[in-house]
Amino acid sequence: MQRQAIRKLKEDEDITVIPADKGGKVVVMNVTDYIKKIREKLDTKAYKQLEEDPSKYIHKKLEVLLSELVGKNEIDEDEMKMLL
């Protein structure tokens, strides 16, 4: 019954049936709204291109912060390793 309903929905050119990001669910959207959302995600005004990858810098800051927490006995070494 559900598969038949989804198949019928897929036949309608005004809507799109896509898998949800989470939960294994199905999302039914108006095609116009779907295209608008995709364009918003791809809009270069919404994002800033980075000169370099900040991952190493952020990881180092996290390492320093976690080391301070270990020093204050707020977390132990195992917790620190797990968080890194």
PDB file of N, CA and C in Angstrom:
ATOM      1  N   MET A   1       0.820  -1.196   0.000  1.00  0.00           N
ATOM      2  CA  MET A   1       0.000   0.000   0.000  1.00  0.00           C
ATOM      3  C   MET A   1       0.870   1.268   0.000  1.00  0.00           C
ATOM      4  N   GLN A   2       1.870   1.336   0.912  1.00  0.00           N
ATOM      5  CA  GLN A   2       2.737   2.515   0.981  1.00  0.00           C
ATOM      6  C   GLN A   2       3.578   2.652  -0.283  1.00  0.00           C
ATOM      7  N   ARG A   3       4.114   1.539  -0.769  1.00  0.00           N
ATOM      8  CA  ARG A   3       4.935   1.597  -1.987  1.00  0.00           C
ATOM      9  C   ARG A   3       4.110   2.063  -3.175  1.00  0.00           C
ATOM     10  N   GLN A   4       2.879   1.604  -3.235  1.00  0.00           N
ATOM     11  CA  GLN A   4       1.991   2.010  -4.318  1.00  0.00           C
ATOM     12  C   GLN A   4       1.720   3.516  -4.233  1.00  0.00           C
ATOM     13  N   ALA A   5       1.517   4.018  -3.031  1.00  0.00           N
ATOM     14  CA  ALA A   5       1.277   5.452  -2.836  1.00  0.00           C
ATOM     15  C   ALA A   5       2.506   6.257  -3.244  1.00  0.00           C
ATOM     16  N   ILE A   6       3.688   5.792  -2.858  1.00  0.00           N
ATOM     17  CA  ILE A   6       4.927   6.491  -3.222  1.00  0.00           C
ATOM     18  C   ILE A   6       5.114   6.475  -4.733  1.00  0.00           C
ATOM     19  N   ARG A   7       4.828   5.345  -5.359  1.00  0.00           N
ATOM     20  CA  ARG A   7       4.948   5.240  -6.816  1.00  0.00           C
ATOM     21  C   ARG A   7       4.013   6.243  -7.498  1.00  0.00           C
ATOM     22  N   LYS A   8       2.795   6.359  -6.993  1.00  0.00           N
ATOM     23  CA  LYS A   8       1.831   7.319  -7.546  1.00  0.00           C
ATOM     24  C   LYS A   8       2.348   8.751  -7.387  1.00  0.00           C
ATOM     25  N   LEU A   9       2.907   9.036  -6.216  1.00  0.00           N
ATOM     26  CA  LEU A   9       3.452  10.371  -5.972  1.00  0.00           C
ATOM     27  C   LEU A   9       4.603  10.673  -6.923  1.00  0.00           C
ATOM     28  N   LYS A  10       5.450   9.684  -7.186  1.00  0.00           N
ATOM     29  CA  LYS A  10       6.590   9.879  -8.084  1.00  0.00           C
ATOM     30  C   LYS A  10       6.148  10.164  -9.513  1.00  0.00           C
ATOM     31  N   GLU A  11       4.971   9.710  -9.871  1.00  0.00           N
ATOM     32  CA  GLU A  11       4.448   9.945 -11.219  1.00  0.00           C
ATOM     33  C   GLU A  11       4.003  11.389 -11.409  1.00  0.00           C
ATOM     34  N   ASP A  12       3.703  12.082 -10.333  1.00  0.00           N
ATOM     35  CA  ASP A  12       3.263  13.480 -10.384  1.00  0.00           C
ATOM     36  C   ASP A  12       4.486  14.365 -10.611  1.00  0.00           C
ATOM     37  N   GLU A  13       4.517  15.072 -11.730  1.00  0.00           N
ATOM     38  CA  GLU A  13       5.680  15.897 -12.079  1.00  0.00           C
ATOM     39  C   GLU A  13       5.789  17.170 -11.246  1.00  0.00           C
ATOM     40  N   ASP A  14       4.759  17.501 -10.494  1.00  0.00           N
ATOM     41  CA  ASP A  14       4.785  18.712  -9.669  1.00  0.00           C
ATOM     42  C   ASP A  14       5.382  18.476  -8.286  1.00  0.00           C
ATOM     43  N   ILE A  15       5.614  17.223  -7.949  1.00  0.00           N
ATOM     44  CA  ILE A  15       6.201  16.908  -6.650  1.00  0.00           C
ATOM     45  C   ILE A  15       7.406  15.999  -6.836  1.00  0.00           C
ATOM     46  N   THR A  16       8.247  15.978  -5.817  1.00  0.00           N
ATOM     47  CA  THR A  16       9.396  15.080  -5.811  1.00  0.00           C
ATOM     48  C   THR A  16       9.378  14.302  -4.502  1.00  0.00           C
ATOM     49  N   VAL A  17       9.800  13.063  -4.588  1.00  0.00           N
ATOM     50  CA  VAL A  17       9.871  12.194  -3.417  1.00  0.00           C
ATOM     51  C   VAL A  17      11.340  11.876  -3.196  1.00  0.00           C
ATOM     52  N   ILE A  18      11.858  12.282  -2.040  1.00  0.00           N
ATOM     53  CA  ILE A  18      13.282  12.104  -1.750  1.00  0.00           C
ATOM     54  C   ILE A  18      13.458  11.514  -0.357  1.00  0.00           C
ATOM     55  N   PRO A  19      14.594  10.828  -0.133  1.00  0.00           N
ATOM     56  CA  PRO A  19      14.851  10.320   1.219  1.00  0.00           C
ATOM     57  C   PRO A  19      15.203  11.475   2.156  1.00  0.00           C
ATOM     58  N   ALA A  20      14.732  11.389   3.385  1.00  0.00           N
ATOM     59  CA  ALA A  20      15.049  12.406   4.391  1.00  0.00           C
ATOM     60  C   ALA A  20      16.509  12.275   4.802  1.00  0.00           C
ATOM     61  N   ASP A  21      17.072  13.365   5.317  1.00  0.00           N
ATOM     62  CA  ASP A  21      18.462  13.351   5.779  1.00  0.00           C
ATOM     63  C   ASP A  21      18.664  12.353   6.909  1.00  0.00           C
ATOM     64  N   LYS A  22      17.664  12.227   7.758  1.00  0.00           N
ATOM     65  CA  LYS A  22      17.801  11.363   8.934  1.00  0.00           C
ATOM     66  C   LYS A  22      16.542  10.532   9.125  1.00  0.00           C
ATOM     67  N   GLY A  23      16.702   9.402   9.755  1.00  0.00           N
ATOM     68  CA  GLY A  23      15.557   8.618  10.183  1.00  0.00           C
ATOM     69  C   GLY A  23      14.984   7.657   9.168  1.00  0.00           C
ATOM     70  N   GLY A  24      15.569   7.572   7.972  1.00  0.00           N
ATOM     71  CA  GLY A  24      15.077   6.633   6.977  1.00  0.00           C
ATOM     72  C   GLY A  24      13.674   6.947   6.489  1.00  0.00           C
ATOM     73  N   LYS A  25      13.259   8.172   6.623  1.00  0.00           N
ATOM     74  CA  LYS A  25      11.917   8.583   6.203  1.00  0.00           C
ATOM     75  C   LYS A  25      11.941   9.064   4.757  1.00  0.00           C
ATOM     76  N   VAL A  26      10.758   9.285   4.211  1.00  0.00           N
ATOM     77  CA  VAL A  26      10.601   9.811   2.860  1.00  0.00           C
ATOM     78  C   VAL A  26       9.985  11.197   2.969  1.00  0.00           C
ATOM     79  N   VAL A  27      10.486  12.125   2.150  1.00  0.00           N
ATOM     80  CA  VAL A  27       9.974  13.493   2.139  1.00  0.00           C
ATOM     81  C   VAL A  27       9.312  13.749   0.791  1.00  0.00           C
ATOM     82  N   VAL A  28       8.130  14.303   0.821  1.00  0.00           N
ATOM     83  CA  VAL A  28       7.410  14.671  -0.395  1.00  0.00           C
ATOM     84  C   VAL A  28       7.392  16.190  -0.453  1.00  0.00           C
ATOM     85  N   MET A  29       7.936  16.739  -1.553  1.00  0.00           N
ATOM     86  CA  MET A  29       8.021  18.200  -1.678  1.00  0.00           C
ATOM     87  C   MET A  29       7.537  18.645  -3.044  1.00  0.00           C
ATOM     88  N   ASN A  30       7.015  19.844  -3.078  1.00  0.00           N
ATOM     89  CA  ASN A  30       6.703  20.496  -4.337  1.00  0.00           C
ATOM     90  C   ASN A  30       8.030  20.733  -5.060  1.00  0.00           C
ATOM     91  N   VAL A  31       8.090  20.437  -6.355  1.00  0.00           N
ATOM     92  CA  VAL A  31       9.340  20.559  -7.115  1.00  0.00           C
ATOM     93  C   VAL A  31       9.882  21.980  -7.063  1.00  0.00           C
ATOM     94  N   THR A  32       9.019  22.965  -7.178  1.00  0.00           N
ATOM     95  CA  THR A  32       9.460  24.364  -7.138  1.00  0.00           C
ATOM     96  C   THR A  32      10.127  24.688  -5.806  1.00  0.00           C
ATOM     97  N   ASP A  33       9.535  24.244  -4.711  1.00  0.00           N
ATOM     98  CA  ASP A  33      10.127  24.470  -3.385  1.00  0.00           C
ATOM     99  C   ASP A  33      11.452  23.736  -3.240  1.00  0.00           C
ATOM    100  N   TYR A  34      11.510  22.520  -3.775  1.00  0.00           N
ATOM    101  CA  TYR A  34      12.734  21.716  -3.704  1.00  0.00           C
ATOM    102  C   TYR A  34      13.871  22.412  -4.447  1.00  0.00           C
ATOM    103  N   ILE A  35      13.600  22.884  -5.650  1.00  0.00           N
ATOM    104  CA  ILE A  35      14.625  23.578  -6.442  1.00  0.00           C
ATOM    105  C   ILE A  35      15.072  24.847  -5.721  1.00  0.00           C
ATOM    106  N   LYS A  36      14.132  25.566  -5.106  1.00  0.00           N
ATOM    107  CA  LYS A  36      14.475  26.782  -4.356  1.00  0.00           C
ATOM    108  C   LYS A  36      15.416  26.450  -3.197  1.00  0.00           C
ATOM    109  N   LYS A  37      15.117  25.375  -2.455  1.00  0.00           N
ATOM    110  CA  LYS A  37      15.974  24.971  -1.326  1.00  0.00           C
ATOM    111  C   LYS A  37      17.369  24.582  -1.808  1.00  0.00           C
ATOM    112  N   ILE A  38      17.443  23.856  -2.914  1.00  0.00           N
ATOM    113  CA  ILE A  38      18.746  23.460  -3.470  1.00  0.00           C
ATOM    114  C   ILE A  38      19.542  24.698  -3.862  1.00  0.00           C
ATOM    115  N   ARG A  39      18.899  25.640  -4.522  1.00  0.00           N
ATOM    116  CA  ARG A  39      19.595  26.868  -4.931  1.00  0.00           C
ATOM    117  C   ARG A  39      20.094  27.653  -3.721  1.00  0.00           C
ATOM    118  N   GLU A  40      19.297  27.678  -2.648  1.00  0.00           N
ATOM    119  CA  GLU A  40      19.723  28.367  -1.422  1.00  0.00           C
ATOM    120  C   GLU A  40      20.982  27.721  -0.859  1.00  0.00           C
ATOM    121  N   LYS A  41      21.029  26.394  -0.898  1.00  0.00           N
ATOM    122  CA  LYS A  41      22.199  25.686  -0.370  1.00  0.00           C
ATOM    123  C   LYS A  41      23.436  25.922  -1.226  1.00  0.00           C
ATOM    124  N   LEU A  42      23.229  26.130  -2.517  1.00  0.00           N
ATOM    125  CA  LEU A  42      24.353  26.329  -3.430  1.00  0.00           C
ATOM    126  C   LEU A  42      24.728  27.797  -3.602  1.00  0.00           C
ATOM    127  N   ASP A  43      23.975  28.697  -3.011  1.00  0.00           N
ATOM    128  CA  ASP A  43      24.208  30.128  -3.149  1.00  0.00           C
ATOM    129  C   ASP A  43      25.572  30.507  -2.583  1.00  0.00           C
ATOM    130  N   THR A  44      26.426  31.027  -3.429  1.00  0.00           N
ATOM    131  CA  THR A  44      27.781  31.378  -2.987  1.00  0.00           C
ATOM    132  C   THR A  44      27.792  32.567  -2.029  1.00  0.00           C
ATOM    133  N   LYS A  45      26.729  33.354  -1.978  1.00  0.00           N
ATOM    134  CA  LYS A  45      26.672  34.478  -1.038  1.00  0.00           C
ATOM    135  C   LYS A  45      26.511  33.980   0.397  1.00  0.00           C
ATOM    136  N   ALA A  46      25.985  32.785   0.532  1.00  0.00           N
ATOM    137  CA  ALA A  46      25.738  32.234   1.865  1.00  0.00           C
ATOM    138  C   ALA A  46      26.994  31.630   2.489  1.00  0.00           C
ATOM    139  N   TYR A  47      28.005  31.402   1.684  1.00  0.00           N
ATOM    140  CA  TYR A  47      29.221  30.757   2.167  1.00  0.00           C
ATOM    141  C   TYR A  47      30.436  31.604   1.853  1.00  0.00           C
ATOM    142  N   LYS A  48      31.454  31.448   2.668  1.00  0.00           N
ATOM    143  CA  LYS A  48      32.706  32.166   2.459  1.00  0.00           C
ATOM    144  C   LYS A  48      33.789  31.131   2.166  1.00  0.00           C
ATOM    145  N   GLN A  49      34.524  31.331   1.086  1.00  0.00           N
ATOM    146  CA  GLN A  49      35.602  30.409   0.766  1.00  0.00           C
ATOM    147  C   GLN A  49      36.781  30.689   1.691  1.00  0.00           C
ATOM    148  N   LEU A  50      37.289  29.642   2.297  1.00  0.00           N
ATOM    149  CA  LEU A  50      38.393  29.777   3.238  1.00  0.00           C
ATOM    150  C   LEU A  50      39.725  29.784   2.507  1.00  0.00           C
ATOM    151  N   GLU A  51      40.655  30.551   3.033  1.00  0.00           N
ATOM    152  CA  GLU A  51      41.991  30.598   2.455  1.00  0.00           C
ATOM    153  C   GLU A  51      42.740  29.292   2.716  1.00  0.00           C
ATOM    154  N   GLU A  52      42.509  28.740   3.898  1.00  0.00           N
ATOM    155  CA  GLU A  52      43.171  27.485   4.263  1.00  0.00           C
ATOM    156  C   GLU A  52      42.252  26.672   5.165  1.00  0.00           C
ATOM    157  N   ASP A  53      42.558  25.408   5.311  1.00  0.00           N
ATOM    158  CA  ASP A  53      41.761  24.500   6.130  1.00  0.00           C
ATOM    159  C   ASP A  53      42.015  24.800   7.610  1.00  0.00           C
ATOM    160  N   PRO A  54      40.984  25.177   8.372  1.00  0.00           N
ATOM    161  CA  PRO A  54      41.174  25.527   9.783  1.00  0.00           C
ATOM    162  C   PRO A  54      41.181  24.314  10.720  1.00  0.00           C
ATOM    163  N   SER A  55      41.065  23.115  10.189  1.00  0.00           N
ATOM    164  CA  SER A  55      40.924  21.915  11.025  1.00  0.00           C
ATOM    165  C   SER A  55      42.073  21.732  12.008  1.00  0.00           C
ATOM    166  N   LYS A  56      43.311  21.892  11.544  1.00  0.00           N
ATOM    167  CA  LYS A  56      44.468  21.686  12.434  1.00  0.00           C
ATOM    168  C   LYS A  56      44.475  22.707  13.564  1.00  0.00           C
ATOM    169  N   TYR A  57      44.151  23.954  13.249  1.00  0.00           N
ATOM    170  CA  TYR A  57      44.105  25.017  14.251  1.00  0.00           C
ATOM    171  C   TYR A  57      43.021  24.723  15.289  1.00  0.00           C
ATOM    172  N   ILE A  58      41.859  24.338  14.827  1.00  0.00           N
ATOM    173  CA  ILE A  58      40.740  24.033  15.729  1.00  0.00           C
ATOM    174  C   ILE A  58      41.067  22.821  16.592  1.00  0.00           C
ATOM    175  N   HIS A  59      41.688  21.810  15.998  1.00  0.00           N
ATOM    176  CA  HIS A  59      42.063  20.605  16.746  1.00  0.00           C
ATOM    177  C   HIS A  59      43.069  20.957  17.842  1.00  0.00           C
ATOM    178  N   LYS A  60      44.027  21.815  17.518  1.00  0.00           N
ATOM    179  CA  LYS A  60      45.037  22.221  18.504  1.00  0.00           C
ATOM    180  C   LYS A  60      44.382  22.987  19.655  1.00  0.00           C
ATOM    181  N   LYS A  61      43.461  23.895  19.342  1.00  0.00           N
ATOM    182  CA  LYS A  61      42.753  24.642  20.391  1.00  0.00           C
ATOM    183  C   LYS A  61      41.955  23.697  21.281  1.00  0.00           C
ATOM    184  N   LEU A  62      41.316  22.711  20.673  1.00  0.00           N
ATOM    185  CA  LEU A  62      40.551  21.729  21.433  1.00  0.00           C
ATOM    186  C   LEU A  62      41.474  20.925  22.333  1.00  0.00           C
ATOM    187  N   GLU A  63      42.626  20.560  21.807  1.00  0.00           N
ATOM    188  CA  GLU A  63      43.598  19.794  22.589  1.00  0.00           C
ATOM    189  C   GLU A  63      44.059  20.590  23.814  1.00  0.00           C
ATOM    190  N   VAL A  64      44.328  21.873  23.629  1.00  0.00           N
ATOM    191  CA  VAL A  64      44.751  22.738  24.737  1.00  0.00           C
ATOM    192  C   VAL A  64      43.631  22.846  25.777  1.00  0.00           C
ATOM    193  N   LEU A  65      42.414  23.080  25.326  1.00  0.00           N
ATOM    194  CA  LEU A  65      41.278  23.197  26.234  1.00  0.00           C
ATOM    195  C   LEU A  65      41.064  21.907  27.024  1.00  0.00           C
ATOM    196  N   LEU A  66      41.116  20.768  26.341  1.00  0.00           N
ATOM    197  CA  LEU A  66      40.922  19.491  27.024  1.00  0.00           C
ATOM    198  C   LEU A  66      42.055  19.201  28.003  1.00  0.00           C
ATOM    199  N   SER A  67      43.278  19.591  27.642  1.00  0.00           N
ATOM    200  CA  SER A  67      44.411  19.415  28.558  1.00  0.00           C
ATOM    201  C   SER A  67      44.200  20.223  29.836  1.00  0.00           C
ATOM    202  N   GLU A  68      43.659  21.424  29.686  1.00  0.00           N
ATOM    203  CA  GLU A  68      43.353  22.247  30.861  1.00  0.00           C
ATOM    204  C   GLU A  68      42.311  21.561  31.739  1.00  0.00           C
ATOM    205  N   LEU A  69      41.311  20.954  31.113  1.00  0.00           N
ATOM    206  CA  LEU A  69      40.276  20.249  31.875  1.00  0.00           C
ATOM    207  C   LEU A  69      40.845  19.033  32.594  1.00  0.00           C
ATOM    208  N   VAL A  70      41.787  18.349  31.954  1.00  0.00           N
ATOM    209  CA  VAL A  70      42.459  17.220  32.612  1.00  0.00           C
ATOM    210  C   VAL A  70      43.247  17.742  33.805  1.00  0.00           C
ATOM    211  N   GLY A  71      43.954  18.867  33.618  1.00  0.00           N
ATOM    212  CA  GLY A  71      44.725  19.476  34.699  1.00  0.00           C
ATOM    213  C   GLY A  71      43.867  19.884  35.888  1.00  0.00           C
ATOM    214  N   LYS A  72      42.623  20.240  35.635  1.00  0.00           N
ATOM    215  CA  LYS A  72      41.697  20.632  36.708  1.00  0.00           C
ATOM    216  C   LYS A  72      40.902  19.434  37.229  1.00  0.00           C
ATOM    217  N   ASN A  73      41.236  18.248  36.749  1.00  0.00           N
ATOM    218  CA  ASN A  73      40.536  17.005  37.122  1.00  0.00           C
ATOM    219  C   ASN A  73      39.037  17.042  36.801  1.00  0.00           C
ATOM    220  N   GLU A  74      38.689  17.790  35.771  1.00  0.00           N
ATOM    221  CA  GLU A  74      37.286  17.836  35.353  1.00  0.00           C
ATOM    222  C   GLU A  74      36.965  16.705  34.380  1.00  0.00           C
ATOM    223  N   ILE A  75      37.983  16.246  33.656  1.00  0.00           N
ATOM    224  CA  ILE A  75      37.868  15.048  32.824  1.00  0.00           C
ATOM    225  C   ILE A  75      39.149  14.250  33.005  1.00  0.00           C
ATOM    226  N   ASP A  76      39.110  12.961  32.659  1.00  0.00           N
ATOM    227  CA  ASP A  76      40.339  12.170  32.757  1.00  0.00           C
ATOM    228  C   ASP A  76      40.942  11.972  31.361  1.00  0.00           C
ATOM    229  N   GLU A  77      42.115  11.338  31.314  1.00  0.00           N
ATOM    230  CA  GLU A  77      42.843  11.137  30.054  1.00  0.00           C
ATOM    231  C   GLU A  77      42.011  10.363  29.030  1.00  0.00           C
ATOM    232  N   ASP A  78      41.294   9.342  29.496  1.00  0.00           N
ATOM    233  CA  ASP A  78      40.475   8.541  28.577  1.00  0.00           C
ATOM    234  C   ASP A  78      39.380   9.389  27.931  1.00  0.00           C
ATOM    235  N   GLU A  79      38.761  10.248  28.729  1.00  0.00           N
ATOM    236  CA  GLU A  79      37.727  11.134  28.188  1.00  0.00           C
ATOM    237  C   GLU A  79      38.330  12.104  27.182  1.00  0.00           C
ATOM    238  N   MET A  80      39.528  12.589  27.486  1.00  0.00           N
ATOM    239  CA  MET A  80      40.202  13.497  26.567  1.00  0.00           C
ATOM    240  C   MET A  80      40.470  12.806  25.235  1.00  0.00           C
ATOM    241  N   LYS A  81      41.000  11.590  25.290  1.00  0.00           N
ATOM    242  CA  LYS A  81      41.285  10.842  24.058  1.00  0.00           C
ATOM    243  C   LYS A  81      40.016  10.593  23.259  1.00  0.00           C
ATOM    244  N   MET A  82      38.930  10.291  23.961  1.00  0.00           N
ATOM    245  CA  MET A  82      37.667  10.029  23.287  1.00  0.00           C
ATOM    246  C   MET A  82      37.153  11.290  22.582  1.00  0.00           C
ATOM    247  N   LEU A  83      37.339  12.440  23.199  1.00  0.00           N
ATOM    248  CA  LEU A  83      36.859  13.697  22.634  1.00  0.00           C
ATOM    249  C   LEU A  83      37.729  14.200  21.485  1.00  0.00           C
ATOM    250  N   LEU A  84      38.978  13.776  21.456  1.00  0.00           N
ATOM    251  CA  LEU A  84      39.854  14.173  20.357  1.00  0.00           C
ATOM    252  C   LEU A  84      39.620  13.251  19.194  1.00  0.00           C
TER     253      LEU A  84
END
